[in-house]
Amino acid sequence: MNVKLKYNNAQRISYEHGVVWGKKLFQRCLDGDKNELLQMQSQDNSRAFSRGVGVGVLSAYNDFLRGKHGKEKE
């Protein structure tokens, strides 16, 4: 189910930045590097950014699961 969010240009950019940030956050959690996680800070605290982070983390997790299950089938 695709949900269309009505964002203006600045909100859309903030959302897209959040998606990228969320994917990086998930990857750094997998890598287990505490110092890298501590250095991740964003000045953006908008709702659009927060939604983007959530989408990014879920997307990265989904990709991770697909990759993990893909390797098991081989």
C-alpha atoms as a PDB file:
ATOM      1  CA  MET A   1       0.000   0.000   0.000  1.00  0.00           C
ATOM      2  CA  ASN A   2       1.537   3.282  -1.085  1.00  0.00           C
ATOM      3  CA  VAL A   3       0.580   6.278   0.966  1.00  0.00           C
ATOM      4  CA  LYS A   4       0.936   9.599  -0.778  1.00  0.00           C
ATOM      5  CA  LEU A   5       2.212  12.225   1.613  1.00  0.00           C
ATOM      6  CA  LYS A   6       1.646  15.823   0.678  1.00  0.00           C
ATOM      7  CA  TYR A   7       4.987  17.512   1.213  1.00  0.00           C
ATOM      8  CA  ASN A   8       6.238  20.802  -0.068  1.00  0.00           C
ATOM      9  CA  ASN A   9       9.681  20.893  -1.646  1.00  0.00           C
ATOM     10  CA  ALA A  10      11.572  21.494   1.613  1.00  0.00           C
ATOM     11  CA  GLN A  11       9.655  18.721   3.381  1.00  0.00           C
ATOM     12  CA  ARG A  12      10.279  16.305   0.509  1.00  0.00           C
ATOM     13  CA  ILE A  13      14.017  16.990   0.670  1.00  0.00           C
ATOM     14  CA  SER A  14      13.945  16.528   4.441  1.00  0.00           C
ATOM     15  CA  TYR A  15      12.050  13.234   4.031  1.00  0.00           C
ATOM     16  CA  GLU A  16      14.506  11.932   1.417  1.00  0.00           C
ATOM     17  CA  HIS A  17      17.433  12.928   3.630  1.00  0.00           C
ATOM     18  CA  GLY A  18      15.786  10.995   6.464  1.00  0.00           C
ATOM     19  CA  VAL A  19      15.479   7.868   4.318  1.00  0.00           C
ATOM     20  CA  VAL A  20      19.192   7.956   3.474  1.00  0.00           C
ATOM     21  CA  TRP A  21      20.062   8.692   7.095  1.00  0.00           C
ATOM     22  CA  GLY A  22      17.911   5.782   8.307  1.00  0.00           C
ATOM     23  CA  LYS A  23      19.624   3.351   5.935  1.00  0.00           C
ATOM     24  CA  LYS A  24      23.051   4.499   7.141  1.00  0.00           C
ATOM     25  CA  LEU A  25      21.900   4.157  10.746  1.00  0.00           C
ATOM     26  CA  PHE A  26      20.799   0.557  10.188  1.00  0.00           C
ATOM     27  CA  GLN A  27      24.063  -0.332   8.446  1.00  0.00           C
ATOM     28  CA  ARG A  28      26.141   1.157  11.235  1.00  0.00           C
ATOM     29  CA  CYS A  29      24.112  -0.787  13.788  1.00  0.00           C
ATOM     30  CA  LEU A  30      24.910  -3.972  11.871  1.00  0.00           C
ATOM     31  CA  ASP A  31      28.587  -3.075  11.745  1.00  0.00           C
ATOM     32  CA  GLY A  32      28.532  -2.580  15.504  1.00  0.00           C
ATOM     33  CA  ASP A  33      30.833   0.435  15.480  1.00  0.00           C
ATOM     34  CA  LYS A  34      29.785   2.450  18.515  1.00  0.00           C
ATOM     35  CA  ASN A  35      31.973   5.428  17.588  1.00  0.00           C
ATOM     36  CA  GLU A  36      30.355   5.724  14.165  1.00  0.00           C
ATOM     37  CA  LEU A  37      26.897   5.664  15.747  1.00  0.00           C
ATOM     38  CA  LEU A  38      27.836   8.365  18.233  1.00  0.00           C
ATOM     39  CA  GLN A  39      29.021  10.610  15.399  1.00  0.00           C
ATOM     40  CA  MET A  40      25.721  10.359  13.538  1.00  0.00           C
ATOM     41  CA  GLN A  41      23.832  13.536  14.301  1.00  0.00           C
ATOM     42  CA  SER A  42      21.301  15.444  12.311  1.00  0.00           C
ATOM     43  CA  GLN A  43      20.191  19.013  12.799  1.00  0.00           C
ATOM     44  CA  ASP A  44      16.854  18.203  11.202  1.00  0.00           C
ATOM     45  CA  ASN A  45      14.127  17.398  13.711  1.00  0.00           C
ATOM     46  CA  SER A  46      11.153  17.807  11.407  1.00  0.00           C
ATOM     47  CA  ARG A  47       8.306  15.332  11.188  1.00  0.00           C
ATOM     48  CA  ALA A  48       9.134  14.663   7.526  1.00  0.00           C
ATOM     49  CA  PHE A  49      12.729  13.771   8.442  1.00  0.00           C
ATOM     50  CA  SER A  50      11.555  11.476  11.252  1.00  0.00           C
ATOM     51  CA  ARG A  51       9.184   9.668   8.910  1.00  0.00           C
ATOM     52  CA  GLY A  52      11.990   9.355   6.381  1.00  0.00           C
ATOM     53  CA  VAL A  53      14.297   7.816   8.990  1.00  0.00           C
ATOM     54  CA  GLY A  54      11.635   5.256   9.850  1.00  0.00           C
ATOM     55  CA  VAL A  55      11.126   4.374   6.210  1.00  0.00           C
ATOM     56  CA  GLY A  56      14.888   4.183   5.656  1.00  0.00           C
ATOM     57  CA  VAL A  57      15.458   1.840   8.599  1.00  0.00           C
ATOM     58  CA  LEU A  58      12.587  -0.427   7.556  1.00  0.00           C
ATOM     59  CA  SER A  59      13.786  -0.444   3.958  1.00  0.00           C
ATOM     60  CA  ALA A  60      17.334  -1.350   5.000  1.00  0.00           C
ATOM     61  CA  TYR A  61      16.010  -4.072   7.309  1.00  0.00           C
ATOM     62  CA  ASN A  62      13.878  -5.471   4.501  1.00  0.00           C
ATOM     63  CA  ASP A  63      16.894  -5.485   2.162  1.00  0.00           C
ATOM     64  CA  PHE A  64      18.942  -7.178   4.886  1.00  0.00           C
ATOM     65  CA  LEU A  65      16.349  -9.923   5.308  1.00  0.00           C
ATOM     66  CA  ARG A  66      16.090 -10.451   1.561  1.00  0.00           C
ATOM     67  CA  GLY A  67      19.856 -10.771   1.306  1.00  0.00           C
ATOM     68  CA  LYS A  68      20.030 -13.130   4.267  1.00  0.00           C
ATOM     69  CA  HIS A  69      17.289 -15.399   2.955  1.00  0.00           C
ATOM     70  CA  GLY A  70      18.717 -15.209  -0.559  1.00  0.00           C
ATOM     71  CA  LYS A  71      22.050 -16.548   0.719  1.00  0.00           C
ATOM     72  CA  GLU A  72      20.336 -19.390   2.585  1.00  0.00           C
ATOM     73  CA  LYS A  73      18.612 -20.583  -0.593  1.00  0.00           C
ATOM     74  CA  GLU A  74      21.869 -20.835  -2.551  1.00  0.00           C
END
